[in-house]
Amino acid sequence: MKASSTAALPPDLFLLGCAGQTALAQASPQRLGFKAFNLLRMAQMGLPVPPAFVLGTQFCADAEKRSEAASPETWASALQALESASGALRFGDAARPLLLSVRSGAPVSMPGMMETLLNIGLNDATVQGLIRQTGNPRLAWDAYRRLIASFAEVVGGLPAELFEDELKRLCAGRDERQLDFAELRGLTQRFLQLYQEAAGSAFPQSPQAQLQQAIAAVFASWQSAKACSYRAAHGVADAIGTAVTVQAMVFGNAGARSGAGVGFTRDPRSGAPGLWVDFLFNAQGEDVVSGRRSAQGHEQLQQVLPQVWEELQQACGRLERQMGEMQEFEFTVQEGRLYLLQTRDGKRSPQAQARIALDLWREGVIGQATARQRCVGLDAEALQISRVLAADGQALQPLARAQAASSGVVTGRIVLDEAGALAAQAAGQPAVLLRRDAETADSAALALTLGLLTQNGARTSHAAVVARQMGKVCLLACEGMQLDEAAHEVRFGERLLREGDWISLDGNEACVYAGQVQTERCCPPGLLDELAQLRRDLVPAQTETAEILRV
């Protein structure tokens, strides 16, 4: 097929990484959403970005426009361009299938509040083509079972637990990445059966129907309860809408030299320089950001794939210089090859905000005026954090350890859901939310509490990002924690706590304590003196070379 040109595209439909790529001058975050706009910027920088087309925010305006966006007539020419950019792959082809992801992206960052669907285009025929194409039956069956479960949840409105419970039964305590292709093939067949039983109809085998319904569902997620609640809490206008990006799939679940990661170009808790990354080998991106899986730091990636780690560091350095700000990014490694899937300004603590502004100024990435503007309101009160005080000079014994997504210390009564949080608030009691997974669906409950502790999850999951943005202490992937919602209790090894008991979270040391702890408040040493130096008279304007437009 011949590549389409942008002239053949309908208004508000854009190409990136394809022949006829949309020019930056024709695009804006308001039209493409920030996620796709930054993908376009990365593609123009020559960074490794899978090709895609974007249905702009205007398609989210009303029901008629959303219906138009889901129609194949709207995106047929863009799909042809995407196929041409993907070589010999064709969407829906039984021999060499092109698989797609469908992602949301508003003009403002709303982490995890809208939906994403991966592996669109797999069915009983194309899964065989993917096996022949890749020589990797495990990859094919793993991707297919993931599509069925996510499609059921996002498009069909079926409970995720229906498929999660079946997966847990098969794993029987094993990591799901240890399942072989035969087990995954059997799981896929079971998922197809569960889908039909719960939905009352068979899983759609038409790739085009999958894509239509996925686009419609992602646009519809703009009006989901959690997205509406987030916008109301953060003063985001309903009218701005979301865009939808349809992108060629890359596979982090392709084996031992593949994986998915999310990271920040600097530590979002303290602002310390150096990449801060969560990574899972042989996994897809949703495993990291969903909050249902626990991930590791970058050490394994650095050891196993040092060339990829070096490429990632170089790419992130370019991104910071180009964007003029600390970045949060998502990436996939497929058989040793790096792909960047997203970048945006990273959410961070007030202490990190000050540290990063100071460092970027000293490094010449931003000018003094910009650094000063980013530090407005960061006074001694705003920069204080809580620290645990030893009781009578004796070190406290932690109940458990976890991964810390934010700093500070909080103490409160254990609550297990939004109803418990509301009850604690009505009683005037401080509360800490305990959950099995770190999911953004719990954002309303989190807003009523002082902190979040989860059994599963990663520091870079969407829920952790939201917690950090809210200023909540957040600990995830807690060792030995076993939550029993039905019994209203939680175990930490041999220790049993019940809903309503006191618990303390120490985000500085990534520790959990039973009961209440004594704390003190202090500022990071030297930070106030450095801010005072920054706020002295501005340097001459002509030296602020970093203020030149970067695109």
Protein backbone atom coordinates (compact mmCIF):
# COMPACT_ATOMS: atom_id res chain seq x y z
CA MET A 1 0.00 0.00 0.00
CA LYS A 2 1.11 3.53 -0.63
CA ALA A 3 1.66 5.81 2.35
CA SER A 4 -1.03 8.41 2.84
CA SER A 5 -0.16 12.07 2.90
CA THR A 6 -1.42 14.49 5.51
CA ALA A 7 -3.46 16.20 2.77
CA ALA A 8 -5.58 13.04 2.49
CA LEU A 9 -6.35 13.00 6.19
CA PRO A 10 -9.51 14.44 7.71
CA PRO A 11 -9.10 17.52 9.93
CA ASP A 12 -7.92 16.75 13.48
CA LEU A 13 -6.22 13.50 12.44
CA PHE A 14 -2.43 13.49 12.64
CA LEU A 15 0.50 11.21 11.74
CA LEU A 16 3.76 10.63 13.59
CA GLY A 17 6.66 8.39 12.64
CA CYS A 18 5.04 7.86 9.21
CA ALA A 19 5.53 9.23 5.71
CA GLY A 20 3.71 12.54 5.62
CA GLN A 21 4.31 13.08 9.36
CA THR A 22 2.44 16.07 10.73
CA ALA A 23 4.64 19.15 11.02
CA LEU A 24 5.10 20.51 14.53
CA ALA A 25 3.85 23.91 13.36
CA GLN A 26 0.51 22.30 12.45
CA ALA A 27 0.14 20.66 15.86
CA SER A 28 -0.45 21.77 19.44
CA PRO A 29 -1.06 20.07 22.80
CA GLN A 30 -4.62 21.40 22.69
CA ARG A 31 -5.30 19.53 19.42
CA LEU A 32 -3.24 16.35 19.93
CA GLY A 33 -3.18 16.13 23.72
CA PHE A 34 0.18 16.40 25.48
CA LYS A 35 1.02 12.69 25.17
CA ALA A 36 0.76 12.64 21.36
CA PHE A 37 2.26 16.12 21.00
CA ASN A 38 5.36 14.99 22.90
CA LEU A 39 5.49 11.78 20.86
CA LEU A 40 5.58 13.96 17.77
CA ARG A 41 8.40 16.03 19.29
CA MET A 42 10.36 12.87 20.10
CA ALA A 43 9.83 11.51 16.59
CA GLN A 44 11.15 14.76 15.13
CA MET A 45 14.18 14.50 17.43
CA GLY A 46 14.93 11.11 15.87
CA LEU A 47 14.27 9.17 19.07
CA PRO A 48 12.92 5.61 18.69
CA VAL A 49 9.13 6.06 18.70
CA PRO A 50 6.76 3.49 17.14
CA PRO A 51 4.68 5.00 14.29
CA ALA A 52 1.15 6.14 15.07
CA PHE A 53 -1.83 8.21 14.06
CA VAL A 54 -3.75 10.50 16.40
CA LEU A 55 -7.45 11.29 16.56
CA GLY A 56 -7.43 14.82 17.99
CA THR A 57 -9.31 16.25 20.95
CA GLN A 58 -12.05 17.71 18.73
CA PHE A 59 -13.36 14.17 18.25
CA CYS A 60 -14.18 14.15 21.98
CA ALA A 61 -16.51 17.16 21.74
CA ASP A 62 -19.82 15.28 21.61
CA ALA A 63 -21.41 11.90 20.87
CA GLU A 64 -21.61 12.58 17.13
CA LYS A 65 -17.88 13.40 16.90
CA ARG A 66 -16.94 10.37 19.00
CA SER A 67 -18.99 8.16 16.69
CA GLU A 68 -17.19 9.71 13.70
CA ALA A 69 -13.82 8.97 15.34
CA ALA A 70 -14.68 5.28 15.69
CA SER A 71 -15.74 4.95 12.05
CA PRO A 72 -13.19 3.22 9.76
CA GLU A 73 -13.91 5.83 7.09
CA THR A 74 -12.29 8.44 9.35
CA TRP A 75 -8.98 6.66 9.89
CA ALA A 76 -8.64 4.32 6.88
CA SER A 77 -6.01 6.47 5.14
CA ALA A 78 -4.10 6.99 8.39
CA LEU A 79 -4.07 3.23 9.01
CA GLN A 80 -2.59 2.72 5.52
CA ALA A 81 0.20 5.17 6.39
CA LEU A 82 0.81 3.34 9.65
CA GLU A 83 0.98 -0.01 7.85
CA SER A 84 3.50 1.40 5.34
CA ALA A 85 5.66 2.69 8.18
CA SER A 86 5.56 -0.79 9.76
CA GLY A 87 7.09 -2.56 6.77
CA ALA A 88 5.38 -5.73 5.57
CA LEU A 89 2.86 -5.87 8.43
CA ARG A 90 -0.85 -5.37 7.77
CA PHE A 91 -3.64 -4.88 10.27
CA GLY A 92 -5.85 -7.98 10.32
CA ASP A 93 -3.53 -9.99 8.05
CA ALA A 94 -3.49 -13.63 9.10
CA ALA A 95 0.12 -14.16 7.99
CA ARG A 96 1.93 -10.98 9.14
CA PRO A 97 -0.45 -9.12 11.44
CA LEU A 98 0.14 -5.54 12.59
CA LEU A 99 -1.05 -5.16 16.18
CA LEU A 100 -2.03 -1.82 17.66
CA SER A 101 -2.28 -0.02 20.97
CA VAL A 102 -5.03 2.55 21.58
CA ARG A 103 -4.13 5.18 24.17
CA SER A 104 -5.76 8.28 25.62
CA GLY A 105 -4.06 11.63 26.09
CA ALA A 106 -5.57 14.96 27.19
CA PRO A 107 -4.04 18.45 26.90
CA VAL A 108 -3.24 18.18 30.64
CA SER A 109 -1.71 15.25 32.49
CA MET A 110 -4.30 12.94 34.08
CA PRO A 111 -2.25 9.84 35.08
CA GLY A 112 -4.23 6.63 34.81
CA MET A 113 -7.62 8.34 34.71
CA MET A 114 -8.49 7.18 31.20
CA GLU A 115 -8.09 3.89 29.43
CA THR A 116 -5.51 2.12 27.27
CA LEU A 117 -5.88 -1.06 25.22
CA LEU A 118 -2.95 -3.11 23.90
CA ASN A 119 -2.59 -5.93 21.34
CA ILE A 120 -5.59 -4.86 19.25
CA GLY A 121 -5.90 -7.07 16.16
CA LEU A 122 -5.29 -10.48 17.73
CA ASN A 123 -7.82 -13.23 17.12
CA ASP A 124 -7.84 -16.98 16.55
CA ALA A 125 -6.30 -16.54 13.08
CA THR A 126 -3.80 -13.71 13.64
CA VAL A 127 -2.39 -15.33 16.77
CA GLN A 128 -1.11 -18.11 14.52
CA GLY A 129 0.36 -15.54 12.16
CA LEU A 130 2.12 -13.83 15.06
CA ILE A 131 3.60 -17.18 16.11
CA ARG A 132 4.95 -17.81 12.59
CA GLN A 133 6.14 -14.21 12.26
CA THR A 134 8.02 -14.09 15.58
CA GLY A 135 8.81 -17.75 16.21
CA ASN A 136 7.63 -17.04 19.77
CA PRO A 137 4.41 -18.85 20.70
CA ARG A 138 4.64 -17.70 24.30
CA LEU A 139 4.59 -14.03 23.21
CA ALA A 140 1.58 -14.61 20.97
CA TRP A 141 -0.59 -16.42 23.52
CA ASP A 142 0.44 -14.02 26.31
CA ALA A 143 -0.56 -11.03 24.19
CA TYR A 144 -3.87 -12.64 23.16
CA ARG A 145 -4.95 -13.48 26.73
CA ARG A 146 -4.04 -9.93 27.78
CA LEU A 147 -6.19 -8.46 25.01
CA ILE A 148 -9.23 -10.54 25.97
CA ALA A 149 -9.00 -9.53 29.65
CA SER A 150 -8.40 -5.82 29.02
CA PHE A 151 -11.02 -5.63 26.27
CA ALA A 152 -13.55 -7.27 28.61
CA GLU A 153 -12.81 -4.72 31.32
CA VAL A 154 -12.52 -1.53 29.24
CA VAL A 155 -14.99 -2.18 26.42
CA GLY A 156 -17.32 -4.77 27.94
CA GLY A 157 -17.42 -3.33 31.47
CA LEU A 158 -16.72 -6.76 32.99
CA PRO A 159 -14.91 -7.00 36.34
CA ALA A 160 -11.14 -7.40 36.07
CA GLU A 161 -11.24 -9.93 38.93
CA LEU A 162 -13.03 -12.41 36.65
CA PHE A 163 -9.80 -12.87 34.68
CA GLU A 164 -7.32 -12.02 37.46
CA ASP A 165 -8.72 -14.81 39.63
CA GLU A 166 -8.43 -17.33 36.79
CA LEU A 167 -4.81 -16.25 36.23
CA LYS A 168 -4.02 -16.65 39.93
CA ARG A 169 -5.52 -20.13 39.97
CA LEU A 170 -3.31 -21.19 37.08
CA CYS A 171 -0.18 -19.58 38.52
CA ALA A 172 -0.70 -21.26 41.92
CA GLY A 173 1.79 -18.90 43.55
CA ARG A 174 4.17 -18.67 40.59
CA ASP A 175 5.05 -15.44 38.82
CA GLU A 176 2.87 -15.27 35.70
CA ARG A 177 6.02 -14.76 33.62
CA GLN A 178 6.92 -18.39 34.42
CA LEU A 179 3.89 -19.71 32.52
CA ASP A 180 4.86 -21.50 29.31
CA PHE A 181 3.11 -21.16 25.96
CA ALA A 182 0.94 -24.25 26.46
CA GLU A 183 -0.36 -22.92 29.77
CA LEU A 184 -0.98 -19.50 28.22
CA ARG A 185 -2.78 -21.09 25.27
CA GLY A 186 -5.05 -22.93 27.69
CA LEU A 187 -5.57 -19.71 29.68
CA THR A 188 -6.53 -17.88 26.50
CA GLN A 189 -9.15 -20.50 25.69
CA ARG A 190 -10.51 -20.19 29.23
CA PHE A 191 -10.60 -16.38 28.90
CA LEU A 192 -12.57 -16.68 25.66
CA GLN A 193 -15.04 -18.92 27.48
CA LEU A 194 -15.30 -16.55 30.45
CA TYR A 195 -15.82 -13.60 28.12
CA GLN A 196 -18.73 -15.29 26.34
CA GLU A 197 -20.34 -16.40 29.59
CA ALA A 198 -20.08 -12.96 31.22
CA ALA A 199 -20.73 -10.75 28.19
CA GLY A 200 -23.41 -12.93 26.62
CA SER A 201 -21.60 -12.81 23.25
CA ALA A 202 -18.32 -14.07 21.84
CA PHE A 203 -15.12 -12.07 21.96
CA PRO A 204 -14.99 -10.07 18.69
CA GLN A 205 -12.81 -11.84 16.13
CA SER A 206 -12.85 -8.96 13.63
CA PRO A 207 -9.71 -6.79 14.08
CA GLN A 208 -11.54 -3.81 12.59
CA ALA A 209 -14.42 -4.21 15.05
CA GLN A 210 -11.88 -4.44 17.89
CA LEU A 211 -10.26 -1.18 16.77
CA GLN A 212 -13.60 0.59 16.36
CA GLN A 213 -14.77 -0.44 19.81
CA ALA A 214 -11.40 0.33 21.41
CA ILE A 215 -11.36 3.88 19.99
CA ALA A 216 -14.94 4.44 21.16
CA ALA A 217 -14.18 3.09 24.65
CA VAL A 218 -11.05 5.21 25.12
CA PHE A 219 -12.90 8.36 24.09
CA ALA A 220 -15.78 7.37 26.40
CA SER A 221 -13.36 7.00 29.32
CA TRP A 222 -13.08 10.81 29.35
CA GLN A 223 -16.46 10.74 31.09
CA SER A 224 -15.64 7.88 33.48
CA ALA A 225 -16.32 8.48 37.17
CA LYS A 226 -12.63 8.57 38.12
CA ALA A 227 -11.75 10.96 35.27
CA CYS A 228 -14.62 13.32 36.17
CA SER A 229 -13.63 13.19 39.86
CA TYR A 230 -10.01 13.97 39.01
CA ARG A 231 -10.97 16.95 36.83
CA ALA A 232 -13.25 18.32 39.53
CA ALA A 233 -10.53 17.99 42.17
CA HIS A 234 -7.84 19.61 40.01
CA GLY A 235 -9.88 22.30 38.25
CA VAL A 236 -9.55 20.75 34.78
CA ALA A 237 -12.26 21.82 32.32
CA ASP A 238 -14.50 19.09 30.87
CA ALA A 239 -14.52 20.82 27.48
CA ILE A 240 -10.84 20.23 26.62
CA GLY A 241 -11.44 16.53 25.87
CA THR A 242 -8.93 13.77 25.21
CA ALA A 243 -7.19 12.68 22.05
CA VAL A 244 -6.67 9.02 21.12
CA THR A 245 -3.37 7.68 19.77
CA VAL A 246 -3.38 4.49 17.67
CA GLN A 247 0.17 3.15 17.62
CA ALA A 248 2.05 0.13 16.31
CA MET A 249 2.67 -2.36 19.10
CA VAL A 250 6.11 -3.17 20.43
CA PHE A 251 6.42 -6.12 22.77
CA GLY A 252 8.08 -6.05 26.16
CA ASN A 253 6.80 -9.59 26.73
CA ALA A 254 8.96 -11.08 23.96
CA GLY A 255 11.40 -12.87 26.27
CA ALA A 256 14.44 -12.45 28.49
CA ARG A 257 15.87 -9.47 26.55
CA SER A 258 12.55 -7.62 26.56
CA GLY A 259 10.59 -5.69 29.15
CA ALA A 260 8.63 -2.57 30.06
CA GLY A 261 9.57 0.36 32.21
CA VAL A 262 8.49 3.71 33.59
CA GLY A 263 10.88 6.25 34.97
CA PHE A 264 11.81 9.81 35.84
CA THR A 265 14.91 11.62 34.70
CA ARG A 266 15.48 12.63 38.35
CA ASP A 267 14.22 11.36 41.71
CA PRO A 268 10.68 12.79 42.08
CA ARG A 269 10.88 12.53 45.88
CA SER A 270 14.14 14.41 46.53
CA GLY A 271 15.12 15.81 43.12
CA ALA A 272 18.46 13.99 43.17
CA PRO A 273 20.00 13.60 39.69
CA GLY A 274 20.05 10.25 37.93
CA LEU A 275 17.37 8.09 36.35
CA TRP A 276 14.70 6.72 38.73
CA VAL A 277 13.23 3.71 36.95
CA ASP A 278 10.89 0.79 37.57
CA PHE A 279 11.33 -2.08 35.12
CA LEU A 280 9.88 -5.54 34.57
CA PHE A 281 11.50 -8.06 32.25
CA ASN A 282 9.24 -10.01 29.89
CA ALA A 283 6.25 -7.75 30.63
CA GLN A 284 4.03 -5.13 29.02
CA GLY A 285 3.71 -1.53 30.13
CA GLU A 286 0.37 -2.01 31.84
CA ASP A 287 2.06 -4.42 34.25
CA VAL A 288 4.08 -1.50 35.63
CA VAL A 289 1.56 1.36 35.60
CA SER A 290 -1.62 -0.54 36.52
CA GLY A 291 -0.60 -0.95 40.15
CA ARG A 292 -1.50 -4.66 40.11
CA ARG A 293 2.10 -5.85 39.74
CA SER A 294 5.30 -5.07 41.62
CA ALA A 295 8.40 -3.95 39.69
CA GLN A 296 12.12 -3.62 40.36
CA GLY A 297 14.50 -0.70 40.02
CA HIS A 298 16.89 -0.27 37.13
CA GLU A 299 19.75 -2.41 38.44
CA GLN A 300 18.74 -5.59 36.61
CA LEU A 301 18.19 -3.70 33.37
CA GLN A 302 21.62 -2.09 33.70
CA GLN A 303 23.27 -5.47 34.34
CA VAL A 304 21.47 -7.55 31.71
CA LEU A 305 21.17 -4.97 28.91
CA PRO A 306 23.91 -2.38 29.51
CA GLN A 307 23.69 -1.01 25.95
CA VAL A 308 19.96 -0.37 26.32
CA TRP A 309 20.61 1.34 29.66
CA GLU A 310 23.20 3.58 28.05
CA GLU A 311 20.82 4.42 25.18
CA LEU A 312 18.07 5.23 27.69
CA GLN A 313 20.36 7.55 29.65
CA GLN A 314 21.38 9.39 26.49
CA ALA A 315 17.78 9.71 25.29
CA CYS A 316 16.64 11.04 28.67
CA GLY A 317 19.44 13.59 28.72
CA ARG A 318 18.27 14.86 25.34
CA LEU A 319 14.67 14.95 26.53
CA GLU A 320 15.51 17.08 29.57
CA ARG A 321 17.49 19.54 27.48
CA GLN A 322 14.78 19.71 24.82
CA MET A 323 11.83 19.98 27.21
CA GLY A 324 13.66 22.13 29.76
CA GLU A 325 12.20 20.10 32.63
CA MET A 326 12.44 16.85 34.56
CA GLN A 327 10.57 14.18 32.58
CA GLU A 328 8.47 11.15 33.40
CA PHE A 329 8.76 8.61 30.58
CA GLU A 330 7.53 5.17 29.54
CA PHE A 331 9.54 2.77 27.43
CA THR A 332 9.58 -0.76 26.07
CA VAL A 333 12.54 -2.97 25.24
CA GLN A 334 11.82 -5.58 22.55
CA GLU A 335 14.58 -8.15 22.09
CA GLY A 336 17.25 -5.65 23.11
CA ARG A 337 15.85 -2.69 21.14
CA LEU A 338 14.65 0.44 22.96
CA TYR A 339 11.39 2.24 22.14
CA LEU A 340 10.06 5.38 23.84
CA LEU A 341 6.29 5.49 24.31
CA GLN A 342 5.68 8.66 26.30
CA THR A 343 7.28 11.64 28.00
CA ARG A 344 5.80 14.43 30.08
CA ASP A 345 6.81 16.82 32.82
CA GLY A 346 7.14 14.66 35.93
CA LYS A 347 5.05 15.12 39.08
CA ARG A 348 7.26 15.67 42.13
CA SER A 349 7.37 16.70 45.77
CA PRO A 350 7.97 20.36 46.77
CA GLN A 351 11.50 19.43 47.89
CA ALA A 352 12.19 17.87 44.49
CA GLN A 353 10.66 20.88 42.74
CA ALA A 354 13.19 23.18 44.40
CA ARG A 355 16.17 20.83 43.95
CA ILE A 356 15.44 20.21 40.26
CA ALA A 357 14.93 23.89 39.45
CA LEU A 358 18.22 24.76 41.12
CA ASP A 359 20.14 21.99 39.35
CA LEU A 360 18.66 22.69 35.90
CA TRP A 361 19.59 26.37 36.34
CA ARG A 362 23.19 25.50 37.29
CA GLU A 363 23.41 23.06 34.38
CA GLY A 364 22.33 25.79 31.95
CA VAL A 365 19.16 23.96 30.88
CA ILE A 366 16.92 26.78 32.13
CA GLY A 367 17.56 30.41 32.95
CA GLN A 368 17.44 32.06 36.34
CA ALA A 369 14.07 33.68 35.71
CA THR A 370 12.50 30.32 34.92
CA ALA A 371 14.12 28.68 37.94
CA ARG A 372 12.82 31.45 40.19
CA GLN A 373 9.33 31.11 38.77
CA ARG A 374 9.33 27.38 39.44
CA CYS A 375 10.24 28.02 43.07
CA VAL A 376 7.49 30.53 43.83
CA GLY A 377 5.82 29.60 47.12
CA LEU A 378 8.55 27.15 48.13
CA ASP A 379 9.33 28.66 51.52
CA ALA A 380 10.49 27.03 54.77
CA GLU A 381 6.99 25.81 55.58
CA ALA A 382 6.36 24.29 52.15
CA LEU A 383 9.72 22.49 52.11
CA GLN A 384 9.46 20.85 55.53
CA ILE A 385 9.06 17.09 55.70
CA SER A 386 8.28 14.85 58.67
CA ARG A 387 10.88 12.46 60.05
CA VAL A 388 10.49 9.67 62.59
CA LEU A 389 11.99 10.30 66.04
CA ALA A 390 13.44 7.33 67.90
CA ALA A 391 11.55 6.54 71.10
CA ASP A 392 13.75 7.12 74.19
CA GLY A 393 16.85 6.90 72.03
CA GLN A 394 15.97 3.38 70.85
CA ALA A 395 15.60 2.67 67.13
CA LEU A 396 12.06 1.68 66.19
CA GLN A 397 11.44 -1.81 64.83
CA PRO A 398 9.50 -1.64 61.56
CA LEU A 399 6.50 -3.86 61.02
CA ALA A 400 7.41 -4.21 57.33
CA ARG A 401 9.35 -2.60 54.51
CA ALA A 402 8.08 -1.45 51.13
CA GLN A 403 8.94 0.70 48.12
CA ALA A 404 8.60 4.42 48.77
CA ALA A 405 6.98 6.55 46.09
CA SER A 406 7.00 9.73 48.20
CA SER A 407 8.68 11.11 51.31
CA GLY A 408 7.39 12.12 54.74
CA VAL A 409 5.74 10.37 57.67
CA VAL A 410 2.03 9.97 58.47
CA THR A 411 0.08 8.23 61.21
CA GLY A 412 -3.59 7.33 61.03
CA ARG A 413 -6.33 4.77 61.50
CA ILE A 414 -6.40 1.90 58.99
CA VAL A 415 -9.19 2.22 56.42
CA LEU A 416 -9.72 -0.20 53.54
CA ASP A 417 -12.00 1.70 51.16
CA GLU A 418 -13.74 5.02 50.48
CA ALA A 419 -16.57 4.24 52.92
CA GLY A 420 -14.04 3.73 55.71
CA ALA A 421 -12.23 6.93 54.74
CA LEU A 422 -15.49 8.90 54.84
CA ALA A 423 -16.34 7.42 58.26
CA ALA A 424 -12.92 8.36 59.63
CA GLN A 425 -13.27 11.87 58.27
CA ALA A 426 -16.74 12.23 59.85
CA ALA A 427 -15.28 11.11 63.19
CA GLY A 428 -12.42 13.59 62.90
CA GLN A 429 -9.84 10.79 62.81
CA PRO A 430 -6.73 10.78 60.57
CA ALA A 431 -6.69 7.78 58.25
CA VAL A 432 -4.29 5.74 56.11
CA LEU A 433 -5.67 3.80 53.14
CA LEU A 434 -4.57 0.16 52.75
CA ARG A 435 -5.28 -1.57 49.44
CA ARG A 436 -4.27 -4.77 47.69
CA ASP A 437 -3.33 -2.93 44.46
CA ALA A 438 -2.27 0.65 43.72
CA GLU A 439 -5.09 1.72 41.41
CA THR A 440 -6.29 5.16 40.36
CA ALA A 441 -9.87 4.04 40.99
CA ASP A 442 -9.05 4.68 44.67
CA SER A 443 -8.17 8.36 44.11
CA ALA A 444 -11.36 9.62 45.81
CA ALA A 445 -10.60 7.54 48.92
CA LEU A 446 -6.96 8.60 48.86
CA ALA A 447 -7.97 12.27 48.82
CA LEU A 448 -9.66 11.73 52.22
CA THR A 449 -6.62 10.11 53.84
CA LEU A 450 -3.02 10.96 54.71
CA GLY A 451 -1.31 8.15 52.84
CA LEU A 452 -1.49 4.90 50.88
CA LEU A 453 0.00 1.48 51.59
CA THR A 454 -0.42 -1.35 49.08
CA GLN A 455 0.38 -5.03 48.85
CA ASN A 456 1.26 -4.76 45.13
CA GLY A 457 2.34 -1.94 42.82
CA ALA A 458 5.33 0.01 41.60
CA ARG A 459 6.72 3.44 42.52
CA THR A 460 5.91 4.68 39.03
CA SER A 461 2.36 3.27 38.80
CA HIS A 462 -0.32 5.81 37.96
CA ALA A 463 -1.75 5.66 41.49
CA ALA A 464 1.67 6.44 42.98
CA VAL A 465 2.05 9.41 40.64
CA VAL A 466 -1.37 10.70 41.72
CA ALA A 467 -0.54 10.18 45.41
CA ARG A 468 2.70 12.12 45.03
CA GLN A 469 0.85 14.91 43.23
CA MET A 470 -1.67 15.06 46.11
CA GLY A 471 1.16 15.30 48.65
CA LYS A 472 0.32 11.91 50.21
CA VAL A 473 2.87 9.51 51.69
CA CYS A 474 2.80 6.42 49.47
CA LEU A 475 4.38 3.00 50.08
CA LEU A 476 3.88 0.11 47.67
CA ALA A 477 4.79 -3.56 47.20
CA CYS A 478 4.90 -4.05 50.97
CA GLU A 479 6.83 -7.15 52.01
CA GLY A 480 4.70 -9.78 53.73
CA MET A 481 1.49 -7.74 53.66
CA GLN A 482 -1.66 -9.82 53.17
CA LEU A 483 -4.93 -7.91 53.04
CA ASP A 484 -8.27 -9.57 53.79
CA GLU A 485 -11.01 -7.10 52.89
CA ALA A 486 -13.84 -9.45 53.85
CA ALA A 487 -12.45 -9.87 57.40
CA HIS A 488 -11.44 -6.17 57.61
CA GLU A 489 -7.92 -7.09 58.63
CA VAL A 490 -4.34 -7.16 57.35
CA ARG A 491 -1.39 -9.37 58.25
CA PHE A 492 2.27 -8.42 58.25
CA GLY A 493 3.92 -11.77 58.74
CA GLU A 494 2.66 -12.99 62.13
CA ARG A 495 1.30 -9.57 63.18
CA LEU A 496 -2.42 -8.96 62.68
CA LEU A 497 -3.95 -5.47 62.45
CA ARG A 498 -7.60 -4.62 61.96
CA GLU A 499 -9.45 -1.78 60.31
CA GLY A 500 -9.44 1.13 62.75
CA ASP A 501 -6.05 0.26 64.30
CA TRP A 502 -3.27 2.85 64.22
CA ILE A 503 -0.52 2.52 61.61
CA SER A 504 2.38 4.75 60.54
CA LEU A 505 4.05 5.09 57.13
CA ASP A 506 7.63 6.37 56.82
CA GLY A 507 8.26 7.37 53.21
CA ASN A 508 11.80 8.51 54.00
CA GLU A 509 13.01 5.06 55.05
CA ALA A 510 10.30 3.00 53.26
CA CYS A 511 9.13 1.48 56.56
CA VAL A 512 5.74 0.60 58.07
CA TYR A 513 5.18 0.80 61.85
CA ALA A 514 2.35 -0.48 63.99
CA GLY A 515 0.76 2.22 66.12
CA GLN A 516 1.70 5.88 66.32
CA VAL A 517 5.21 7.32 66.03
CA GLN A 518 6.75 10.57 67.17
CA THR A 519 7.89 12.89 64.40
CA GLU A 520 9.78 16.11 63.80
CA ARG A 521 9.60 18.47 60.86
CA CYS A 522 12.70 19.77 59.10
CA CYS A 523 13.95 21.13 55.77
CA PRO A 524 16.53 19.36 53.60
CA PRO A 525 19.91 20.77 54.72
CA GLY A 526 21.16 23.78 52.74
CA LEU A 527 18.13 23.99 50.46
CA LEU A 528 16.84 27.30 51.86
CA ASP A 529 20.29 28.90 51.48
CA GLU A 530 20.46 27.80 47.84
CA LEU A 531 16.98 29.20 47.18
CA ALA A 532 18.03 32.50 48.73
CA GLN A 533 20.96 32.64 46.32
CA LEU A 534 18.65 31.91 43.38
CA ARG A 535 16.30 34.73 44.44
CA ARG A 536 18.97 37.39 44.47
CA ASP A 537 19.06 39.90 41.61
CA LEU A 538 18.56 38.33 38.20
CA VAL A 539 21.52 37.90 35.89
CA PRO A 540 21.37 40.00 32.67
CA ALA A 541 18.66 38.76 30.33
CA GLN A 542 21.08 38.21 27.46
CA THR A 543 22.79 35.37 29.38
CA GLU A 544 19.60 33.36 29.58
CA THR A 545 20.32 31.33 26.47
CA ALA A 546 18.27 28.42 27.78
CA GLU A 547 15.10 30.46 27.32
CA ILE A 548 15.32 30.08 23.53
CA LEU A 549 12.42 28.09 22.06
CA ARG A 550 13.48 24.45 21.93
CA VAL A 551 11.33 23.16 19.09
